[in-house]
Amino acid sequence: MASHYPGELLQSFLSGEQCLLLALEISEFDRDVRKQKLRREHPEWSELAVVNEIIRQAFLPAPTPEWLEKRLQERVDQQRTSD
């Protein structure tokens, strides 16, 4: 009998550890693709600005939590003072 859900299909031939490793690899691939897209759209952005935007996008469609937005801004401010 065929599985109706892709997750069930994966679990039928991958161990839990293998599923986790695959999920992490897919997540890393997704971040790399997002970085490339953001660099094309905003070549003037620093690496930190690109990473901050990827973090913000992770919370969409909800807004980034206020405490996290504050921390992201602190990182930008620290980078500016060290440059």
PDB file of N, CA and C in Angstrom:
ATOM      1  N   MET A   1       0.844  -1.182   0.000  1.00  0.00           N
ATOM      2  CA  MET A   1       0.000   0.000   0.000  1.00  0.00           C
ATOM      3  C   MET A   1       0.886   1.240   0.000  1.00  0.00           C
ATOM      4  N   ALA A   2       0.615   2.147  -0.900  1.00  0.00           N
ATOM      5  CA  ALA A   2       1.425   3.358  -1.039  1.00  0.00           C
ATOM      6  C   ALA A   2       1.104   4.352   0.070  1.00  0.00           C
ATOM      7  N   SER A   3       2.124   5.104   0.439  1.00  0.00           N
ATOM      8  CA  SER A   3       1.955   6.133   1.460  1.00  0.00           C
ATOM      9  C   SER A   3       1.301   7.368   0.851  1.00  0.00           C
ATOM     10  N   HIS A   4       0.476   8.045   1.632  1.00  0.00           N
ATOM     11  CA  HIS A   4      -0.167   9.264   1.162  1.00  0.00           C
ATOM     12  C   HIS A   4       0.646  10.505   1.497  1.00  0.00           C
ATOM     13  N   TYR A   5       1.624  10.380   2.360  1.00  0.00           N
ATOM     14  CA  TYR A   5       2.377  11.526   2.815  1.00  0.00           C
ATOM     15  C   TYR A   5       3.866  11.309   2.563  1.00  0.00           C
ATOM     16  N   PRO A   6       4.574  12.325   1.990  1.00  0.00           N
ATOM     17  CA  PRO A   6       6.005  12.175   1.718  1.00  0.00           C
ATOM     18  C   PRO A   6       6.812  11.822   2.965  1.00  0.00           C
ATOM     19  N   GLY A   7       6.444  12.361   4.115  1.00  0.00           N
ATOM     20  CA  GLY A   7       7.159  12.056   5.345  1.00  0.00           C
ATOM     21  C   GLY A   7       7.109  10.576   5.687  1.00  0.00           C
ATOM     22  N   GLU A   8       5.961   9.968   5.464  1.00  0.00           N
ATOM     23  CA  GLU A   8       5.826   8.533   5.726  1.00  0.00           C
ATOM     24  C   GLU A   8       6.691   7.728   4.760  1.00  0.00           C
ATOM     25  N   LEU A   9       6.776   8.178   3.523  1.00  0.00           N
ATOM     26  CA  LEU A   9       7.606   7.494   2.541  1.00  0.00           C
ATOM     27  C   LEU A   9       9.071   7.559   2.962  1.00  0.00           C
ATOM     28  N   LEU A  10       9.531   8.733   3.380  1.00  0.00           N
ATOM     29  CA  LEU A  10      10.914   8.869   3.833  1.00  0.00           C
ATOM     30  C   LEU A  10      11.185   7.980   5.035  1.00  0.00           C
ATOM     31  N   GLN A  11      10.272   7.970   5.968  1.00  0.00           N
ATOM     32  CA  GLN A  11      10.462   7.179   7.180  1.00  0.00           C
ATOM     33  C   GLN A  11      10.457   5.683   6.889  1.00  0.00           C
ATOM     34  N   SER A  12       9.910   5.301   5.752  1.00  0.00           N
ATOM     35  CA  SER A  12       9.865   3.876   5.436  1.00  0.00           C
ATOM     36  C   SER A  12      11.237   3.330   5.045  1.00  0.00           C
ATOM     37  N   PHE A  13      12.161   4.201   4.591  1.00  0.00           N
ATOM     38  CA  PHE A  13      13.482   3.685   4.236  1.00  0.00           C
ATOM     39  C   PHE A  13      14.642   4.486   4.818  1.00  0.00           C
ATOM     40  N   LEU A  14      14.359   5.494   5.656  1.00  0.00           N
ATOM     41  CA  LEU A  14      15.402   6.247   6.343  1.00  0.00           C
ATOM     42  C   LEU A  14      15.198   6.134   7.849  1.00  0.00           C
ATOM     43  N   SER A  15      16.299   6.046   8.572  1.00  0.00           N
ATOM     44  CA  SER A  15      16.201   6.043  10.033  1.00  0.00           C
ATOM     45  C   SER A  15      15.881   7.464  10.493  1.00  0.00           C
ATOM     46  N   GLY A  16      15.546   7.608  11.751  1.00  0.00           N
ATOM     47  CA  GLY A  16      15.289   8.935  12.301  1.00  0.00           C
ATOM     48  C   GLY A  16      16.487   9.853  12.146  1.00  0.00           C
ATOM     49  N   GLU A  17      17.666   9.321  12.399  1.00  0.00           N
ATOM     50  CA  GLU A  17      18.898  10.117  12.255  1.00  0.00           C
ATOM     51  C   GLU A  17      19.101  10.539  10.805  1.00  0.00           C
ATOM     52  N   GLN A  18      18.849   9.646   9.872  1.00  0.00           N
ATOM     53  CA  GLN A  18      19.004   9.970   8.454  1.00  0.00           C
ATOM     54  C   GLN A  18      17.992  11.039   8.021  1.00  0.00           C
ATOM     55  N   CYS A  19      16.760  10.950   8.539  1.00  0.00           N
ATOM     56  CA  CYS A  19      15.750  11.973   8.236  1.00  0.00           C
ATOM     57  C   CYS A  19      16.192  13.338   8.752  1.00  0.00           C
ATOM     58  N   LEU A  20      16.726  13.372   9.961  1.00  0.00           N
ATOM     59  CA  LEU A  20      17.201  14.624  10.536  1.00  0.00           C
ATOM     60  C   LEU A  20      18.351  15.193   9.714  1.00  0.00           C
ATOM     61  N   LEU A  21      19.307  14.357   9.349  1.00  0.00           N
ATOM     62  CA  LEU A  21      20.435  14.825   8.540  1.00  0.00           C
ATOM     63  C   LEU A  21      19.971  15.350   7.189  1.00  0.00           C
ATOM     64  N   LEU A  22      19.007  14.681   6.587  1.00  0.00           N
ATOM     65  CA  LEU A  22      18.456  15.144   5.314  1.00  0.00           C
ATOM     66  C   LEU A  22      17.771  16.492   5.486  1.00  0.00           C
ATOM     67  N   ALA A  23      16.995  16.646   6.555  1.00  0.00           N
ATOM     68  CA  ALA A  23      16.311  17.918   6.815  1.00  0.00           C
ATOM     69  C   ALA A  23      17.333  19.050   7.005  1.00  0.00           C
ATOM     70  N   LEU A  24      18.409  18.777   7.717  1.00  0.00           N
ATOM     71  CA  LEU A  24      19.444  19.793   7.922  1.00  0.00           C
ATOM     72  C   LEU A  24      20.132  20.155   6.609  1.00  0.00           C
ATOM     73  N   GLU A  25      20.379  19.157   5.770  1.00  0.00           N
ATOM     74  CA  GLU A  25      21.007  19.412   4.480  1.00  0.00           C
ATOM     75  C   GLU A  25      20.091  20.254   3.586  1.00  0.00           C
ATOM     76  N   ILE A  26      18.810  19.946   3.579  1.00  0.00           N
ATOM     77  CA  ILE A  26      17.852  20.728   2.793  1.00  0.00           C
ATOM     78  C   ILE A  26      17.783  22.153   3.317  1.00  0.00           C
ATOM     79  N   SER A  27      17.799  22.321   4.630  1.00  0.00           N
ATOM     80  CA  SER A  27      17.763  23.645   5.235  1.00  0.00           C
ATOM     81  C   SER A  27      18.995  24.458   4.842  1.00  0.00           C
ATOM     82  N   GLU A  28      20.155  23.831   4.873  1.00  0.00           N
ATOM     83  CA  GLU A  28      21.387  24.527   4.482  1.00  0.00           C
ATOM     84  C   GLU A  28      21.344  24.913   3.006  1.00  0.00           C
ATOM     85  N   PHE A  29      20.852  24.026   2.168  1.00  0.00           N
ATOM     86  CA  PHE A  29      20.714  24.318   0.744  1.00  0.00           C
ATOM     87  C   PHE A  29      19.780  25.511   0.534  1.00  0.00           C
ATOM     88  N   ASP A  30      18.661  25.520   1.245  1.00  0.00           N
ATOM     89  CA  ASP A  30      17.699  26.621   1.140  1.00  0.00           C
ATOM     90  C   ASP A  30      18.344  27.952   1.537  1.00  0.00           C
ATOM     91  N   ARG A  31      19.111  27.958   2.636  1.00  0.00           N
ATOM     92  CA  ARG A  31      19.777  29.193   3.061  1.00  0.00           C
ATOM     93  C   ARG A  31      20.782  29.671   2.013  1.00  0.00           C
ATOM     94  N   ASP A  32      21.506  28.735   1.408  1.00  0.00           N
ATOM     95  CA  ASP A  32      22.471  29.104   0.367  1.00  0.00           C
ATOM     96  C   ASP A  32      21.776  29.743  -0.833  1.00  0.00           C
ATOM     97  N   VAL A  33      20.654  29.167  -1.242  1.00  0.00           N
ATOM     98  CA  VAL A  33      19.902  29.721  -2.369  1.00  0.00           C
ATOM     99  C   VAL A  33      19.375  31.119  -2.019  1.00  0.00           C
ATOM    100  N   ARG A  34      18.855  31.274  -0.799  1.00  0.00           N
ATOM    101  CA  ARG A  34      18.360  32.590  -0.365  1.00  0.00           C
ATOM    102  C   ARG A  34      19.483  33.623  -0.333  1.00  0.00           C
ATOM    103  N   LYS A  35      20.665  33.216   0.145  1.00  0.00           N
ATOM    104  CA  LYS A  35      21.813  34.128   0.171  1.00  0.00           C
ATOM    105  C   LYS A  35      22.159  34.600  -1.234  1.00  0.00           C
ATOM    106  N   GLN A  36      22.223  33.677  -2.174  1.00  0.00           N
ATOM    107  CA  GLN A  36      22.547  34.036  -3.553  1.00  0.00           C
ATOM    108  C   GLN A  36      21.530  35.016  -4.120  1.00  0.00           C
ATOM    109  N   LYS A  37      20.256  34.766  -3.848  1.00  0.00           N
ATOM    110  CA  LYS A  37      19.196  35.648  -4.347  1.00  0.00           C
ATOM    111  C   LYS A  37      19.326  37.040  -3.736  1.00  0.00           C
ATOM    112  N   LEU A  38      19.537  37.102  -2.426  1.00  0.00           N
ATOM    113  CA  LEU A  38      19.662  38.402  -1.765  1.00  0.00           C
ATOM    114  C   LEU A  38      20.900  39.155  -2.251  1.00  0.00           C
ATOM    115  N   ARG A  39      21.997  38.452  -2.485  1.00  0.00           N
ATOM    116  CA  ARG A  39      23.211  39.117  -2.992  1.00  0.00           C
ATOM    117  C   ARG A  39      22.991  39.682  -4.389  1.00  0.00           C
ATOM    118  N   ARG A  40      22.234  38.964  -5.223  1.00  0.00           N
ATOM    119  CA  ARG A  40      21.914  39.486  -6.563  1.00  0.00           C
ATOM    120  C   ARG A  40      21.024  40.721  -6.464  1.00  0.00           C
ATOM    121  N   GLU A  41      20.029  40.664  -5.579  1.00  0.00           N
ATOM    122  CA  GLU A  41      19.082  41.774  -5.453  1.00  0.00           C
ATOM    123  C   GLU A  41      19.685  42.976  -4.725  1.00  0.00           C
ATOM    124  N   HIS A  42      20.636  42.727  -3.812  1.00  0.00           N
ATOM    125  CA  HIS A  42      21.215  43.788  -2.982  1.00  0.00           C
ATOM    126  C   HIS A  42      22.739  43.635  -2.908  1.00  0.00           C
ATOM    127  N   PRO A  43      23.442  43.891  -4.009  1.00  0.00           N
ATOM    128  CA  PRO A  43      24.899  43.690  -4.010  1.00  0.00           C
ATOM    129  C   PRO A  43      25.636  44.587  -3.018  1.00  0.00           C
ATOM    130  N   GLU A  44      25.004  45.651  -2.587  1.00  0.00           N
ATOM    131  CA  GLU A  44      25.641  46.581  -1.648  1.00  0.00           C
ATOM    132  C   GLU A  44      25.568  46.100  -0.198  1.00  0.00           C
ATOM    133  N   TRP A  45      24.765  45.080   0.081  1.00  0.00           N
ATOM    134  CA  TRP A  45      24.593  44.590   1.452  1.00  0.00           C
ATOM    135  C   TRP A  45      25.825  43.825   1.915  1.00  0.00           C
ATOM    136  N   SER A  46      26.153  43.978   3.174  1.00  0.00           N
ATOM    137  CA  SER A  46      27.233  43.202   3.789  1.00  0.00           C
ATOM    138  C   SER A  46      26.749  41.775   4.035  1.00  0.00           C
ATOM    139  N   GLU A  47      27.699  40.891   4.351  1.00  0.00           N
ATOM    140  CA  GLU A  47      27.348  39.508   4.688  1.00  0.00           C
ATOM    141  C   GLU A  47      26.402  39.477   5.893  1.00  0.00           C
ATOM    142  N   LEU A  48      26.665  40.335   6.872  1.00  0.00           N
ATOM    143  CA  LEU A  48      25.810  40.394   8.063  1.00  0.00           C
ATOM    144  C   LEU A  48      24.383  40.805   7.699  1.00  0.00           C
ATOM    145  N   ALA A  49      24.241  41.770   6.810  1.00  0.00           N
ATOM    146  CA  ALA A  49      22.906  42.209   6.389  1.00  0.00           C
ATOM    147  C   ALA A  49      22.162  41.071   5.689  1.00  0.00           C
ATOM    148  N   VAL A  50      22.868  40.305   4.874  1.00  0.00           N
ATOM    149  CA  VAL A  50      22.256  39.172   4.177  1.00  0.00           C
ATOM    150  C   VAL A  50      21.786  38.121   5.190  1.00  0.00           C
ATOM    151  N   VAL A  51      22.655  37.778   6.141  1.00  0.00           N
ATOM    152  CA  VAL A  51      22.305  36.783   7.156  1.00  0.00           C
ATOM    153  C   VAL A  51      21.132  37.269   8.005  1.00  0.00           C
ATOM    154  N   ASN A  52      21.143  38.540   8.386  1.00  0.00           N
ATOM    155  CA  ASN A  52      20.031  39.098   9.166  1.00  0.00           C
ATOM    156  C   ASN A  52      18.714  38.985   8.404  1.00  0.00           C
ATOM    157  N   GLU A  53      18.753  39.237   7.096  1.00  0.00           N
ATOM    158  CA  GLU A  53      17.525  39.153   6.302  1.00  0.00           C
ATOM    159  C   GLU A  53      17.032  37.711   6.210  1.00  0.00           C
ATOM    160  N   ILE A  54      17.935  36.759   6.104  1.00  0.00           N
ATOM    161  CA  ILE A  54      17.533  35.354   6.078  1.00  0.00           C
ATOM    162  C   ILE A  54      16.855  34.978   7.397  1.00  0.00           C
ATOM    163  N   ILE A  55      17.387  35.480   8.500  1.00  0.00           N
ATOM    164  CA  ILE A  55      16.763  35.228   9.810  1.00  0.00           C
ATOM    165  C   ILE A  55      15.364  35.833   9.845  1.00  0.00           C
ATOM    166  N   ARG A  56      15.224  37.061   9.344  1.00  0.00           N
ATOM    167  CA  ARG A  56      13.898  37.701   9.311  1.00  0.00           C
ATOM    168  C   ARG A  56      12.922  36.882   8.476  1.00  0.00           C
ATOM    169  N   GLN A  57      13.385  36.406   7.321  1.00  0.00           N
ATOM    170  CA  GLN A  57      12.508  35.640   6.433  1.00  0.00           C
ATOM    171  C   GLN A  57      12.046  34.334   7.070  1.00  0.00           C
ATOM    172  N   ALA A  58      12.827  33.805   7.977  1.00  0.00           N
ATOM    173  CA  ALA A  58      12.458  32.555   8.643  1.00  0.00           C
ATOM    174  C   ALA A  58      11.180  32.707   9.468  1.00  0.00           C
ATOM    175  N   PHE A  59      10.850  33.933   9.846  1.00  0.00           N
ATOM    176  CA  PHE A  59       9.674  34.169  10.686  1.00  0.00           C
ATOM    177  C   PHE A  59       8.432  34.545   9.879  1.00  0.00           C
ATOM    178  N   LEU A  60       8.582  34.701   8.565  1.00  0.00           N
ATOM    179  CA  LEU A  60       7.437  35.092   7.742  1.00  0.00           C
ATOM    180  C   LEU A  60       6.380  34.006   7.755  1.00  0.00           C
ATOM    181  N   PRO A  61       5.124  34.340   7.715  1.00  0.00           N
ATOM    182  CA  PRO A  61       4.537  35.650   7.510  1.00  0.00           C
ATOM    183  C   PRO A  61       4.404  36.492   8.783  1.00  0.00           C
ATOM    184  N   ALA A  62       4.730  35.924   9.925  1.00  0.00           N
ATOM    185  CA  ALA A  62       4.655  36.697  11.172  1.00  0.00           C
ATOM    186  C   ALA A  62       5.846  37.661  11.240  1.00  0.00           C
ATOM    187  N   PRO A  63       5.720  38.738  11.981  1.00  0.00           N
ATOM    188  CA  PRO A  63       6.856  39.637  12.127  1.00  0.00           C
ATOM    189  C   PRO A  63       7.953  39.001  12.983  1.00  0.00           C
ATOM    190  N   THR A  64       9.173  39.460  12.772  1.00  0.00           N
ATOM    191  CA  THR A  64      10.295  39.005  13.592  1.00  0.00           C
ATOM    192  C   THR A  64      10.031  39.424  15.034  1.00  0.00           C
ATOM    193  N   PRO A  65      10.257  38.545  16.004  1.00  0.00           N
ATOM    194  CA  PRO A  65      10.050  38.934  17.404  1.00  0.00           C
ATOM    195  C   PRO A  65      10.871  40.179  17.752  1.00  0.00           C
ATOM    196  N   GLU A  66      10.302  41.036  18.557  1.00  0.00           N
ATOM    197  CA  GLU A  66      10.931  42.316  18.899  1.00  0.00           C
ATOM    198  C   GLU A  66      12.318  42.120  19.504  1.00  0.00           C
ATOM    199  N   TRP A  67      12.460  41.139  20.403  1.00  0.00           N
ATOM    200  CA  TRP A  67      13.758  40.916  21.034  1.00  0.00           C
ATOM    201  C   TRP A  67      14.819  40.510  20.015  1.00  0.00           C
ATOM    202  N   LEU A  68      14.407  39.743  19.006  1.00  0.00           N
ATOM    203  CA  LEU A  68      15.352  39.300  17.986  1.00  0.00           C
ATOM    204  C   LEU A  68      15.712  40.442  17.045  1.00  0.00           C
ATOM    205  N   GLU A  69      14.736  41.237  16.683  1.00  0.00           N
ATOM    206  CA  GLU A  69      14.993  42.401  15.817  1.00  0.00           C
ATOM    207  C   GLU A  69      15.992  43.331  16.496  1.00  0.00           C
ATOM    208  N   LYS A  70      15.837  43.515  17.800  1.00  0.00           N
ATOM    209  CA  LYS A  70      16.763  44.355  18.569  1.00  0.00           C
ATOM    210  C   LYS A  70      18.179  43.775  18.512  1.00  0.00           C
ATOM    211  N   ARG A  71      18.283  42.467  18.680  1.00  0.00           N
ATOM    212  CA  ARG A  71      19.606  41.815  18.644  1.00  0.00           C
ATOM    213  C   ARG A  71      20.239  41.922  17.261  1.00  0.00           C
ATOM    214  N   LEU A  72      19.445  41.772  16.207  1.00  0.00           N
ATOM    215  CA  LEU A  72      19.970  41.913  14.852  1.00  0.00           C
ATOM    216  C   LEU A  72      20.507  43.326  14.636  1.00  0.00           C
ATOM    217  N   GLN A  73      19.783  44.319  15.130  1.00  0.00           N
ATOM    218  CA  GLN A  73      20.236  45.703  14.997  1.00  0.00           C
ATOM    219  C   GLN A  73      21.514  45.944  15.790  1.00  0.00           C
ATOM    220  N   GLU A  74      21.620  45.335  16.967  1.00  0.00           N
ATOM    221  CA  GLU A  74      22.849  45.466  17.769  1.00  0.00           C
ATOM    222  C   GLU A  74      24.048  44.912  17.014  1.00  0.00           C
ATOM    223  N   ARG A  75      23.848  43.797  16.307  1.00  0.00           N
ATOM    224  CA  ARG A  75      24.940  43.211  15.525  1.00  0.00           C
ATOM    225  C   ARG A  75      25.385  44.151  14.412  1.00  0.00           C
ATOM    226  N   VAL A  76      24.428  44.806  13.763  1.00  0.00           N
ATOM    227  CA  VAL A  76      24.753  45.766  12.703  1.00  0.00           C
ATOM    228  C   VAL A  76      25.522  46.942  13.302  1.00  0.00           C
ATOM    229  N   ASP A  77      25.056  47.452  14.440  1.00  0.00           N
ATOM    230  CA  ASP A  77      25.725  48.571  15.097  1.00  0.00           C
ATOM    231  C   ASP A  77      27.150  48.205  15.505  1.00  0.00           C
ATOM    232  N   GLN A  78      27.332  46.995  16.023  1.00  0.00           N
ATOM    233  CA  GLN A  78      28.687  46.539  16.389  1.00  0.00           C
ATOM    234  C   GLN A  78      29.598  46.471  15.182  1.00  0.00           C
ATOM    235  N   GLN A  79      29.061  45.997  14.060  1.00  0.00           N
ATOM    236  CA  GLN A  79      29.868  45.907  12.852  1.00  0.00           C
ATOM    237  C   GLN A  79      30.277  47.299  12.375  1.00  0.00           C
ATOM    238  N   ARG A  80      29.362  48.246  12.444  1.00  0.00           N
ATOM    239  CA  ARG A  80      29.662  49.621  12.008  1.00  0.00           C
ATOM    240  C   ARG A  80      30.770  50.248  12.854  1.00  0.00           C
ATOM    241  N   THR A  81      30.725  50.008  14.162  1.00  0.00           N
ATOM    242  CA  THR A  81      31.738  50.610  15.037  1.00  0.00           C
ATOM    243  C   THR A  81      33.098  49.946  14.871  1.00  0.00           C
ATOM    244  N   SER A  82      33.114  48.663  14.448  1.00  0.00           N
ATOM    245  CA  SER A  82      34.392  47.985  14.272  1.00  0.00           C
ATOM    246  C   SER A  82      35.017  48.269  12.916  1.00  0.00           C
ATOM    247  N   ASP A  83      34.222  48.770  11.951  1.00  0.00           N
ATOM    248  CA  ASP A  83      34.744  49.071  10.602  1.00  0.00           C
ATOM    249  C   ASP A  83      35.513  50.358  10.562  1.00  0.00           C
TER     250      ASP A  83
END
